């Protein structure tokens, strides 16, 4: 998979407010248990499970089985490609964009 395809898959996985809430929660509480995520996000368990599945499939999070529970954490390596790309999106130092000038009124 190319970097562009990987970035697109990451962006697609992050493209839901509930998934962003899950990532914020995992950032604040690494090693969060699935049940805690359900309570914090405020959605049905099945819905949260689907969001976790999507994030895990994209490699954004990991899920380790700990007895009867699954412990989730962010995968910083997966997010580094996205972070590097976002950091590269800066305004150019010069006016590289061609903006047509308005015609002066005659």
PDB file of N, CA and C in Angstrom:
ATOM      1  N   UNK A   1       0.849  -1.178   0.000  1.00  0.00           N
ATOM      2  CA  UNK A   1       0.000   0.000   0.000  1.00  0.00           C
ATOM      3  C   UNK A   1       0.894   1.240   0.000  1.00  0.00           C
ATOM      4  N   UNK A   2       0.591   2.209  -0.871  1.00  0.00           N
ATOM      5  CA  UNK A   2       1.381   3.435  -0.939  1.00  0.00           C
ATOM      6  C   UNK A   2       1.064   4.337   0.254  1.00  0.00           C
ATOM      7  N   UNK A   3       1.936   5.327   0.478  1.00  0.00           N
ATOM      8  CA  UNK A   3       1.689   6.277   1.560  1.00  0.00           C
ATOM      9  C   UNK A   3       0.367   7.009   1.370  1.00  0.00           C
ATOM     10  N   UNK A   4       0.044   7.350   0.119  1.00  0.00           N
ATOM     11  CA  UNK A   4      -1.221   8.043  -0.136  1.00  0.00           C
ATOM     12  C   UNK A   4      -2.416   7.163   0.211  1.00  0.00           C
ATOM     13  N   UNK A   5      -2.340   5.891  -0.127  1.00  0.00           N
ATOM     14  CA  UNK A   5      -3.430   4.965   0.209  1.00  0.00           C
ATOM     15  C   UNK A   5      -3.529   4.779   1.723  1.00  0.00           C
ATOM     16  N   UNK A   6      -2.386   4.704   2.385  1.00  0.00           N
ATOM     17  CA  UNK A   6      -2.375   4.572   3.839  1.00  0.00           C
ATOM     18  C   UNK A   6      -2.970   5.809   4.495  1.00  0.00           C
ATOM     19  N   UNK A   7      -2.582   6.992   4.008  1.00  0.00           N
ATOM     20  CA  UNK A   7      -3.138   8.241   4.548  1.00  0.00           C
ATOM     21  C   UNK A   7      -4.650   8.300   4.343  1.00  0.00           C
ATOM     22  N   UNK A   8      -5.107   7.893   3.171  1.00  0.00           N
ATOM     23  CA  UNK A   8      -6.545   7.901   2.896  1.00  0.00           C
ATOM     24  C   UNK A   8      -7.286   6.950   3.831  1.00  0.00           C
ATOM     25  N   UNK A   9      -6.719   5.768   4.076  1.00  0.00           N
ATOM     26  CA  UNK A   9      -7.349   4.807   4.987  1.00  0.00           C
ATOM     27  C   UNK A   9      -7.392   5.352   6.410  1.00  0.00           C
ATOM     28  N   UNK A  10      -6.320   6.016   6.837  1.00  0.00           N
ATOM     29  CA  UNK A  10      -6.297   6.622   8.174  1.00  0.00           C
ATOM     30  C   UNK A  10      -7.343   7.732   8.267  1.00  0.00           C
ATOM     31  N   UNK A  11      -7.401   8.576   7.252  1.00  0.00           N
ATOM     32  CA  UNK A  11      -8.369   9.667   7.267  1.00  0.00           C
ATOM     33  C   UNK A  11      -9.797   9.126   7.303  1.00  0.00           C
ATOM     34  N   UNK A  12     -10.049   8.085   6.550  1.00  0.00           N
ATOM     35  CA  UNK A  12     -11.385   7.481   6.535  1.00  0.00           C
ATOM     36  C   UNK A  12     -11.727   6.900   7.914  1.00  0.00           C
ATOM     37  N   UNK A  13     -10.746   6.269   8.541  1.00  0.00           N
ATOM     38  CA  UNK A  13     -10.981   5.688   9.868  1.00  0.00           C
ATOM     39  C   UNK A  13     -11.254   6.764  10.915  1.00  0.00           C
ATOM     40  N   UNK A  14     -10.696   7.944  10.733  1.00  0.00           N
ATOM     41  CA  UNK A  14     -10.872   9.027  11.697  1.00  0.00           C
ATOM     42  C   UNK A  14     -12.092   9.893  11.400  1.00  0.00           C
ATOM     43  N   UNK A  15     -12.766   9.630  10.292  1.00  0.00           N
ATOM     44  CA  UNK A  15     -13.824  10.507   9.809  1.00  0.00           C
ATOM     45  C   UNK A  15     -15.174  10.289  10.489  1.00  0.00           C
ATOM     46  N   UNK A  16     -15.159  10.219  11.801  1.00  0.00           N
ATOM     47  CA  UNK A  16     -16.424  10.119  12.542  1.00  0.00           C
ATOM     48  C   UNK A  16     -16.203  10.716  13.928  1.00  0.00           C
ATOM     49  N   UNK A  17     -17.102  11.569  14.395  1.00  0.00           N
ATOM     50  CA  UNK A  17     -16.914  12.211  15.707  1.00  0.00           C
ATOM     51  C   UNK A  17     -16.737  11.217  16.864  1.00  0.00           C
ATOM     52  N   UNK A  18     -17.427  10.091  16.827  1.00  0.00           N
ATOM     53  CA  UNK A  18     -17.291   9.104  17.908  1.00  0.00           C
ATOM     54  C   UNK A  18     -15.884   8.520  17.922  1.00  0.00           C
ATOM     55  N   UNK A  19     -15.292   8.321  16.754  1.00  0.00           N
ATOM     56  CA  UNK A  19     -13.924   7.774  16.693  1.00  0.00           C
ATOM     57  C   UNK A  19     -12.923   8.793  17.203  1.00  0.00           C
ATOM     58  N   UNK A  20     -13.166  10.055  16.935  1.00  0.00           N
ATOM     59  CA  UNK A  20     -12.295  11.105  17.477  1.00  0.00           C
ATOM     60  C   UNK A  20     -12.406  11.116  19.001  1.00  0.00           C
ATOM     61  N   UNK A  21     -13.631  10.974  19.523  1.00  0.00           N
ATOM     62  CA  UNK A  21     -13.811  10.917  20.986  1.00  0.00           C
ATOM     63  C   UNK A  21     -13.074   9.725  21.571  1.00  0.00           C
ATOM     64  N   UNK A  22     -13.133   8.592  20.887  1.00  0.00           N
ATOM     65  CA  UNK A  22     -12.423   7.398  21.359  1.00  0.00           C
ATOM     66  C   UNK A  22     -10.916   7.657  21.399  1.00  0.00           C
ATOM     67  N   UNK A  23     -10.377   8.286  20.353  1.00  0.00           N
ATOM     68  CA  UNK A  23      -8.942   8.574  20.322  1.00  0.00           C
ATOM     69  C   UNK A  23      -8.550   9.541  21.430  1.00  0.00           C
ATOM     70  N   UNK A  24      -9.372  10.558  21.671  1.00  0.00           N
ATOM     71  CA  UNK A  24      -9.087  11.502  22.771  1.00  0.00           C
ATOM     72  C   UNK A  24      -9.088  10.772  24.113  1.00  0.00           C
ATOM     73  N   UNK A  25     -10.032   9.870  24.283  1.00  0.00           N
ATOM     74  CA  UNK A  25     -10.102   9.086  25.511  1.00  0.00           C
ATOM     75  C   UNK A  25      -8.857   8.214  25.672  1.00  0.00           C
ATOM     76  N   UNK A  26      -8.448   7.550  24.604  1.00  0.00           N
ATOM     77  CA  UNK A  26      -7.266   6.689  24.679  1.00  0.00           C
ATOM     78  C   UNK A  26      -5.986   7.494  24.886  1.00  0.00           C
ATOM     79  N   UNK A  27      -5.960   8.714  24.408  1.00  0.00           N
ATOM     80  CA  UNK A  27      -4.814   9.590  24.638  1.00  0.00           C
ATOM     81  C   UNK A  27      -4.726   9.955  26.119  1.00  0.00           C
ATOM     82  N   UNK A  28      -5.878  10.207  26.722  1.00  0.00           N
ATOM     83  CA  UNK A  28      -5.920  10.591  28.136  1.00  0.00           C
ATOM     84  C   UNK A  28      -5.769   9.399  29.070  1.00  0.00           C
ATOM     85  N   UNK A  29      -6.241   8.227  28.639  1.00  0.00           N
ATOM     86  CA  UNK A  29      -6.201   7.038  29.501  1.00  0.00           C
ATOM     87  C   UNK A  29      -5.707   5.837  28.705  1.00  0.00           C
ATOM     88  N   UNK A  30      -4.394   5.742  28.508  1.00  0.00           N
ATOM     89  CA  UNK A  30      -3.861   4.596  27.750  1.00  0.00           C
ATOM     90  C   UNK A  30      -4.246   3.275  28.406  1.00  0.00           C
ATOM     91  N   UNK A  31      -4.479   2.275  27.599  1.00  0.00           N
ATOM     92  CA  UNK A  31      -4.833   0.970  28.119  1.00  0.00           C
ATOM     93  C   UNK A  31      -6.252   0.909  28.628  1.00  0.00           C
ATOM     94  N   UNK A  32      -7.146   1.617  27.939  1.00  0.00           N
ATOM     95  CA  UNK A  32      -8.542   1.700  28.348  1.00  0.00           C
ATOM     96  C   UNK A  32      -9.284   0.397  28.008  1.00  0.00           C
ATOM     97  N   UNK A  33     -10.108  -0.039  28.917  1.00  0.00           N
ATOM     98  CA  UNK A  33     -10.914  -1.246  28.729  1.00  0.00           C
ATOM     99  C   UNK A  33     -12.164  -0.884  27.914  1.00  0.00           C
ATOM    100  N   UNK A  34     -12.597  -1.810  27.063  1.00  0.00           N
ATOM    101  CA  UNK A  34     -13.741  -1.584  26.192  1.00  0.00           C
ATOM    102  C   UNK A  34     -14.968  -1.053  26.907  1.00  0.00           C
ATOM    103  N   UNK A  35     -15.304  -1.607  28.060  1.00  0.00           N
ATOM    104  CA  UNK A  35     -16.483  -1.168  28.810  1.00  0.00           C
ATOM    105  C   UNK A  35     -16.382   0.285  29.248  1.00  0.00           C
ATOM    106  N   UNK A  36     -15.180   0.707  29.595  1.00  0.00           N
ATOM    107  CA  UNK A  36     -14.952   2.099  29.987  1.00  0.00           C
ATOM    108  C   UNK A  36     -15.155   3.022  28.788  1.00  0.00           C
ATOM    109  N   UNK A  37     -14.732   2.565  27.626  1.00  0.00           N
ATOM    110  CA  UNK A  37     -14.908   3.358  26.407  1.00  0.00           C
ATOM    111  C   UNK A  37     -16.392   3.524  26.110  1.00  0.00           C
ATOM    112  N   UNK A  38     -17.165   2.455  26.255  1.00  0.00           N
ATOM    113  CA  UNK A  38     -18.613   2.515  26.006  1.00  0.00           C
ATOM    114  C   UNK A  38     -19.248   3.554  26.922  1.00  0.00           C
ATOM    115  N   UNK A  39     -18.901   3.534  28.204  1.00  0.00           N
ATOM    116  CA  UNK A  39     -19.462   4.496  29.164  1.00  0.00           C
ATOM    117  C   UNK A  39     -19.067   5.923  28.814  1.00  0.00           C
ATOM    118  N   UNK A  40     -17.805   6.135  28.452  1.00  0.00           N
ATOM    119  CA  UNK A  40     -17.301   7.484  28.179  1.00  0.00           C
ATOM    120  C   UNK A  40     -17.867   8.065  26.888  1.00  0.00           C
ATOM    121  N   UNK A  41     -18.036   7.237  25.874  1.00  0.00           N
ATOM    122  CA  UNK A  41     -18.506   7.719  24.578  1.00  0.00           C
ATOM    123  C   UNK A  41     -20.020   7.921  24.585  1.00  0.00           C
ATOM    124  N   UNK A  42     -20.724   7.136  25.383  1.00  0.00           N
ATOM    125  CA  UNK A  42     -22.164   7.312  25.501  1.00  0.00           C
ATOM    126  C   UNK A  42     -22.975   6.742  24.357  1.00  0.00           C
ATOM    127  N   UNK A  43     -22.428   5.745  23.682  1.00  0.00           N
ATOM    128  CA  UNK A  43     -23.156   5.066  22.608  1.00  0.00           C
ATOM    129  C   UNK A  43     -23.374   3.612  22.998  1.00  0.00           C
ATOM    130  N   UNK A  44     -24.210   2.935  22.253  1.00  0.00           N
ATOM    131  CA  UNK A  44     -24.467   1.516  22.516  1.00  0.00           C
ATOM    132  C   UNK A  44     -23.180   0.712  22.367  1.00  0.00           C
ATOM    133  N   UNK A  45     -23.078  -0.360  23.117  1.00  0.00           N
ATOM    134  CA  UNK A  45     -21.883  -1.207  23.096  1.00  0.00           C
ATOM    135  C   UNK A  45     -21.581  -1.704  21.686  1.00  0.00           C
ATOM    136  N   UNK A  46     -22.615  -2.102  20.956  1.00  0.00           N
ATOM    137  CA  UNK A  46     -22.400  -2.613  19.602  1.00  0.00           C
ATOM    138  C   UNK A  46     -21.861  -1.524  18.672  1.00  0.00           C
ATOM    139  N   UNK A  47     -22.317  -0.302  18.847  1.00  0.00           N
ATOM    140  CA  UNK A  47     -21.848   0.820  18.031  1.00  0.00           C
ATOM    141  C   UNK A  47     -20.393   1.135  18.337  1.00  0.00           C
ATOM    142  N   UNK A  48     -20.054   1.172  19.624  1.00  0.00           N
ATOM    143  CA  UNK A  48     -18.667   1.432  20.023  1.00  0.00           C
ATOM    144  C   UNK A  48     -17.764   0.309  19.521  1.00  0.00           C
ATOM    145  N   UNK A  49     -18.231  -0.919  19.605  1.00  0.00           N
ATOM    146  CA  UNK A  49     -17.440  -2.047  19.099  1.00  0.00           C
ATOM    147  C   UNK A  49     -17.141  -1.899  17.617  1.00  0.00           C
ATOM    148  N   UNK A  50     -18.107  -1.433  16.849  1.00  0.00           N
ATOM    149  CA  UNK A  50     -17.894  -1.221  15.413  1.00  0.00           C
ATOM    150  C   UNK A  50     -16.868  -0.114  15.181  1.00  0.00           C
ATOM    151  N   UNK A  51     -16.968   0.971  15.933  1.00  0.00           N
ATOM    152  CA  UNK A  51     -15.979   2.049  15.804  1.00  0.00           C
ATOM    153  C   UNK A  51     -14.581   1.558  16.183  1.00  0.00           C
ATOM    154  N   UNK A  52     -14.490   0.778  17.241  1.00  0.00           N
ATOM    155  CA  UNK A  52     -13.190   0.217  17.645  1.00  0.00           C
ATOM    156  C   UNK A  52     -12.643  -0.722  16.574  1.00  0.00           C
ATOM    157  N   UNK A  53     -13.520  -1.502  15.958  1.00  0.00           N
ATOM    158  CA  UNK A  53     -13.091  -2.418  14.896  1.00  0.00           C
ATOM    159  C   UNK A  53     -12.502  -1.647  13.724  1.00  0.00           C
ATOM    160  N   UNK A  54     -13.158  -0.559  13.345  1.00  0.00           N
ATOM    161  CA  UNK A  54     -12.684   0.256  12.222  1.00  0.00           C
ATOM    162  C   UNK A  54     -11.329   0.883  12.551  1.00  0.00           C
ATOM    163  N   UNK A  55     -11.194   1.434  13.747  1.00  0.00           N
ATOM    164  CA  UNK A  55      -9.923   2.037  14.155  1.00  0.00           C
ATOM    165  C   UNK A  55      -8.810   0.997  14.225  1.00  0.00           C
ATOM    166  N   UNK A  56      -9.145  -0.179  14.707  1.00  0.00           N
ATOM    167  CA  UNK A  56      -8.148  -1.247  14.811  1.00  0.00           C
ATOM    168  C   UNK A  56      -7.752  -1.752  13.427  1.00  0.00           C
ATOM    169  N   UNK A  57      -8.716  -1.916  12.523  1.00  0.00           N
ATOM    170  CA  UNK A  57      -8.425  -2.387  11.161  1.00  0.00           C
ATOM    171  C   UNK A  57      -7.506  -1.416  10.427  1.00  0.00           C
ATOM    172  N   UNK A  58      -7.644  -0.112  10.714  1.00  0.00           N
ATOM    173  CA  UNK A  58      -6.791   0.896  10.086  1.00  0.00           C
ATOM    174  C   UNK A  58      -5.432   0.990  10.764  1.00  0.00           C
ATOM    175  N   UNK A  59      -5.273   0.291  11.891  1.00  0.00           N
ATOM    176  CA  UNK A  59      -4.002   0.310  12.595  1.00  0.00           C
ATOM    177  C   UNK A  59      -3.838   1.486  13.534  1.00  0.00           C
ATOM    178  N   UNK A  60      -4.891   2.270  13.721  1.00  0.00           N
ATOM    179  CA  UNK A  60      -4.821   3.459  14.565  1.00  0.00           C
ATOM    180  C   UNK A  60      -4.727   3.081  16.039  1.00  0.00           C
ATOM    181  N   UNK A  61      -5.377   1.988  16.409  1.00  0.00           N
ATOM    182  CA  UNK A  61      -5.329   1.517  17.794  1.00  0.00           C
ATOM    183  C   UNK A  61      -4.941   0.036  17.810  1.00  0.00           C
ATOM    184  N   UNK A  62      -4.544  -0.406  18.984  1.00  0.00           N
ATOM    185  CA  UNK A  62      -4.290  -1.824  19.203  1.00  0.00           C
ATOM    186  C   UNK A  62      -5.266  -2.303  20.262  1.00  0.00           C
ATOM    187  N   UNK A  63      -5.523  -3.587  20.268  1.00  0.00           N
ATOM    188  CA  UNK A  63      -6.397  -4.180  21.271  1.00  0.00           C
ATOM    189  C   UNK A  63      -5.765  -5.453  21.789  1.00  0.00           C
ATOM    190  N   UNK A  64      -5.433  -5.458  23.058  1.00  0.00           N
ATOM    191  CA  UNK A  64      -4.811  -6.614  23.693  1.00  0.00           C
ATOM    192  C   UNK A  64      -5.832  -7.293  24.602  1.00  0.00           C
ATOM    193  N   UNK A  65      -5.957  -8.599  24.464  1.00  0.00           N
ATOM    194  CA  UNK A  65      -6.875  -9.352  25.321  1.00  0.00           C
ATOM    195  C   UNK A  65      -6.241  -9.510  26.691  1.00  0.00           C
ATOM    196  N   UNK A  66      -6.992  -9.108  27.709  1.00  0.00           N
ATOM    197  CA  UNK A  66      -6.546  -9.193  29.100  1.00  0.00           C
ATOM    198  C   UNK A  66      -7.641  -9.921  29.876  1.00  0.00           C
ATOM    199  N   UNK A  67      -7.561 -11.242  29.878  1.00  0.00           N
ATOM    200  CA  UNK A  67      -8.610 -12.041  30.512  1.00  0.00           C
ATOM    201  C   UNK A  67      -9.886 -11.918  29.702  1.00  0.00           C
ATOM    202  N   UNK A  68     -11.000 -11.595  30.359  1.00  0.00           N
ATOM    203  CA  UNK A  68     -12.260 -11.477  29.626  1.00  0.00           C
ATOM    204  C   UNK A  68     -12.432 -10.114  28.956  1.00  0.00           C
ATOM    205  N   UNK A  69     -11.466  -9.208  29.138  1.00  0.00           N
ATOM    206  CA  UNK A  69     -11.597  -7.845  28.615  1.00  0.00           C
ATOM    207  C   UNK A  69     -10.582  -7.592  27.504  1.00  0.00           C
ATOM    208  N   UNK A  70     -10.845  -6.552  26.746  1.00  0.00           N
ATOM    209  CA  UNK A  70      -9.884  -6.092  25.734  1.00  0.00           C
ATOM    210  C   UNK A  70      -9.425  -4.707  26.153  1.00  0.00           C
ATOM    211  N   UNK A  71      -8.108  -4.544  26.183  1.00  0.00           N
ATOM    212  CA  UNK A  71      -7.477  -3.296  26.591  1.00  0.00           C
ATOM    213  C   UNK A  71      -6.998  -2.585  25.320  1.00  0.00           C
ATOM    214  N   UNK A  72      -7.479  -1.364  25.070  1.00  0.00           N
ATOM    215  CA  UNK A  72      -7.160  -0.635  23.848  1.00  0.00           C
ATOM    216  C   UNK A  72      -6.146   0.474  24.119  1.00  0.00           C
ATOM    217  N   UNK A  73      -5.315   0.765  23.103  1.00  0.00           N
ATOM    218  CA  UNK A  73      -4.329   1.838  23.198  1.00  0.00           C
ATOM    219  C   UNK A  73      -4.076   2.400  21.803  1.00  0.00           C
ATOM    220  N   UNK A  74      -3.592   3.645  21.762  1.00  0.00           N
ATOM    221  CA  UNK A  74      -3.224   4.263  20.489  1.00  0.00           C
ATOM    222  C   UNK A  74      -1.987   3.595  19.920  1.00  0.00           C
ATOM    223  N   UNK A  75      -1.872   3.599  18.605  1.00  0.00           N
ATOM    224  CA  UNK A  75      -0.684   3.102  17.925  1.00  0.00           C
ATOM    225  C   UNK A  75       0.037   4.317  17.335  1.00  0.00           C
ATOM    226  N   UNK A  76       0.991   4.890  18.080  1.00  0.00           N
ATOM    227  CA  UNK A  76       1.650   6.123  17.620  1.00  0.00           C
ATOM    228  C   UNK A  76       2.337   5.975  16.266  1.00  0.00           C
ATOM    229  N   UNK A  77       2.833   4.804  15.957  1.00  0.00           N
ATOM    230  CA  UNK A  77       3.514   4.598  14.679  1.00  0.00           C
ATOM    231  C   UNK A  77       2.553   4.844  13.518  1.00  0.00           C
ATOM    232  N   UNK A  78       1.337   4.347  13.633  1.00  0.00           N
ATOM    233  CA  UNK A  78       0.350   4.527  12.564  1.00  0.00           C
ATOM    234  C   UNK A  78      -0.012   5.996  12.411  1.00  0.00           C
ATOM    235  N   UNK A  79      -0.093   6.699  13.521  1.00  0.00           N
ATOM    236  CA  UNK A  79      -0.495   8.097  13.468  1.00  0.00           C
ATOM    237  C   UNK A  79       0.641   9.016  13.038  1.00  0.00           C
ATOM    238  N   UNK A  80       1.889   8.559  13.093  1.00  0.00           N
ATOM    239  CA  UNK A  80       3.004   9.426  12.729  1.00  0.00           C
ATOM    240  C   UNK A  80       2.963   9.817  11.258  1.00  0.00           C
ATOM    241  N   UNK A  81       2.554   8.917  10.379  1.00  0.00           N
ATOM    242  CA  UNK A  81       2.449   9.240   8.953  1.00  0.00           C
ATOM    243  C   UNK A  81       1.430  10.357   8.743  1.00  0.00           C
ATOM    244  N   UNK A  82       0.298  10.257   9.432  1.00  0.00           N
ATOM    245  CA  UNK A  82      -0.737  11.279   9.318  1.00  0.00           C
ATOM    246  C   UNK A  82      -0.262  12.597   9.932  1.00  0.00           C
ATOM    247  N   UNK A  83       0.408  12.537  11.065  1.00  0.00           N
ATOM    248  CA  UNK A  83       0.920  13.745  11.718  1.00  0.00           C
ATOM    249  C   UNK A  83       1.951  14.442  10.838  1.00  0.00           C
ATOM    250  N   UNK A  84       2.846  13.671  10.232  1.00  0.00           N
ATOM    251  CA  UNK A  84       3.859  14.251   9.341  1.00  0.00           C
ATOM    252  C   UNK A  84       3.208  14.917   8.138  1.00  0.00           C
ATOM    253  N   UNK A  85       2.188  14.266   7.579  1.00  0.00           N
ATOM    254  CA  UNK A  85       1.491  14.838   6.432  1.00  0.00           C
ATOM    255  C   UNK A  85       0.793  16.136   6.829  1.00  0.00           C
ATOM    256  N   UNK A  86       0.082  16.129   7.946  1.00  0.00           N
ATOM    257  CA  UNK A  86      -0.628  17.326   8.395  1.00  0.00           C
ATOM    258  C   UNK A  86       0.355  18.468   8.659  1.00  0.00           C
ATOM    259  N   UNK A  87       1.502  18.166   9.233  1.00  0.00           N
ATOM    260  CA  UNK A  87       2.511  19.193   9.500  1.00  0.00           C
ATOM    261  C   UNK A  87       3.081  19.782   8.214  1.00  0.00           C
ATOM    262  N   UNK A  88       3.069  18.998   7.147  1.00  0.00           N
ATOM    263  CA  UNK A  88       3.610  19.489   5.876  1.00  0.00           C
ATOM    264  C   UNK A  88       2.654  20.431   5.160  1.00  0.00           C
ATOM    265  N   UNK A  89       1.416  20.460   5.586  1.00  0.00           N
ATOM    266  CA  UNK A  89       0.411  21.320   4.946  1.00  0.00           C
ATOM    267  C   UNK A  89       0.497  22.729   5.527  1.00  0.00           C
ATOM    268  N   UNK A  90       1.417  23.500   4.999  1.00  0.00           N
ATOM    269  CA  UNK A  90       1.626  24.862   5.467  1.00  0.00           C
ATOM    270  C   UNK A  90       1.459  25.811   4.298  1.00  0.00           C
ATOM    271  N   UNK A  91       1.175  27.047   4.622  1.00  0.00           N
ATOM    272  CA  UNK A  91       1.110  28.056   3.578  1.00  0.00           C
ATOM    273  C   UNK A  91       2.504  28.254   3.020  1.00  0.00           C
ATOM    274  N   UNK A  92       2.617  28.422   1.711  1.00  0.00           N
ATOM    275  CA  UNK A  92       3.926  28.666   1.126  1.00  0.00           C
ATOM    276  C   UNK A  92       4.480  30.015   1.597  1.00  0.00           C
ATOM    277  N   UNK A  93       5.796  30.136   1.615  1.00  0.00           N
ATOM    278  CA  UNK A  93       6.446  31.364   2.049  1.00  0.00           C
ATOM    279  C   UNK A  93       6.151  32.519   1.084  1.00  0.00           C
ATOM    280  N   UNK A  94       5.899  32.198  -0.158  1.00  0.00           N
ATOM    281  CA  UNK A  94       5.581  33.227  -1.147  1.00  0.00           C
ATOM    282  C   UNK A  94       4.185  32.975  -1.686  1.00  0.00           C
ATOM    283  N   UNK A  95       3.695  33.917  -2.444  1.00  0.00           N
ATOM    284  CA  UNK A  95       2.375  33.758  -3.054  1.00  0.00           C
ATOM    285  C   UNK A  95       2.482  32.814  -4.241  1.00  0.00           C
ATOM    286  N   UNK A  96       2.497  31.534  -3.969  1.00  0.00           N
ATOM    287  CA  UNK A  96       2.626  30.546  -5.025  1.00  0.00           C
ATOM    288  C   UNK A  96       1.297  30.300  -5.725  1.00  0.00           C
ATOM    289  N   UNK A  97       0.226  30.702  -5.102  1.00  0.00           N
ATOM    290  CA  UNK A  97      -1.092  30.476  -5.663  1.00  0.00           C
ATOM    291  C   UNK A  97      -1.427  31.587  -6.642  1.00  0.00           C
ATOM    292  N   UNK A  98      -1.973  31.235  -7.731  1.00  0.00           N
ATOM    293  CA  UNK A  98      -2.334  32.220  -8.756  1.00  0.00           C
ATOM    294  C   UNK A  98      -3.767  32.654  -8.520  1.00  0.00           C
ATOM    295  N   UNK A  99      -3.939  33.861  -8.037  1.00  0.00           N
ATOM    296  CA  UNK A  99      -5.276  34.412  -7.796  1.00  0.00           C
ATOM    297  C   UNK A  99      -5.502  35.510  -8.825  1.00  0.00           C
ATOM    298  N   UNK A 100      -6.527  35.362  -9.644  1.00  0.00           N
ATOM    299  CA  UNK A 100      -6.769  36.382 -10.666  1.00  0.00           C
ATOM    300  C   UNK A 100      -7.044  37.744 -10.035  1.00  0.00           C
ATOM    301  N   UNK A 101      -6.470  38.775 -10.630  1.00  0.00           N
ATOM    302  CA  UNK A 101      -6.702  40.125 -10.131  1.00  0.00           C
ATOM    303  C   UNK A 101      -8.039  40.609 -10.658  1.00  0.00           C
ATOM    304  N   UNK A 102      -8.717  41.389  -9.843  1.00  0.00           N
ATOM    305  CA  UNK A 102      -9.986  41.957 -10.280  1.00  0.00           C
ATOM    306  C   UNK A 102      -9.691  43.080 -11.280  1.00  0.00           C
ATOM    307  N   UNK A 103     -10.511  43.126 -12.296  1.00  0.00           N
ATOM    308  CA  UNK A 103     -10.378  44.197 -13.262  1.00  0.00           C
ATOM    309  C   UNK A 103     -10.830  45.503 -12.630  1.00  0.00           C
ATOM    310  N   UNK A 104     -10.032  46.520 -12.831  1.00  0.00           N
ATOM    311  CA  UNK A 104     -10.411  47.829 -12.305  1.00  0.00           C
ATOM    312  C   UNK A 104     -11.601  48.356 -13.111  1.00  0.00           C
ATOM    313  N   UNK A 105     -12.477  49.049 -12.453  1.00  0.00           N
ATOM    314  CA  UNK A 105     -13.646  49.625 -13.134  1.00  0.00           C
ATOM    315  C   UNK A 105     -13.156  50.687 -14.121  1.00  0.00           C
ATOM    316  N   UNK A 106     -13.688  50.688 -15.369  1.00  0.00           N
ATOM    317  CA  UNK A 106     -13.220  51.678 -16.366  1.00  0.00           C
ATOM    318  C   UNK A 106     -13.676  53.071 -16.073  1.00  0.00           C
TER     319      UNK A 106
END
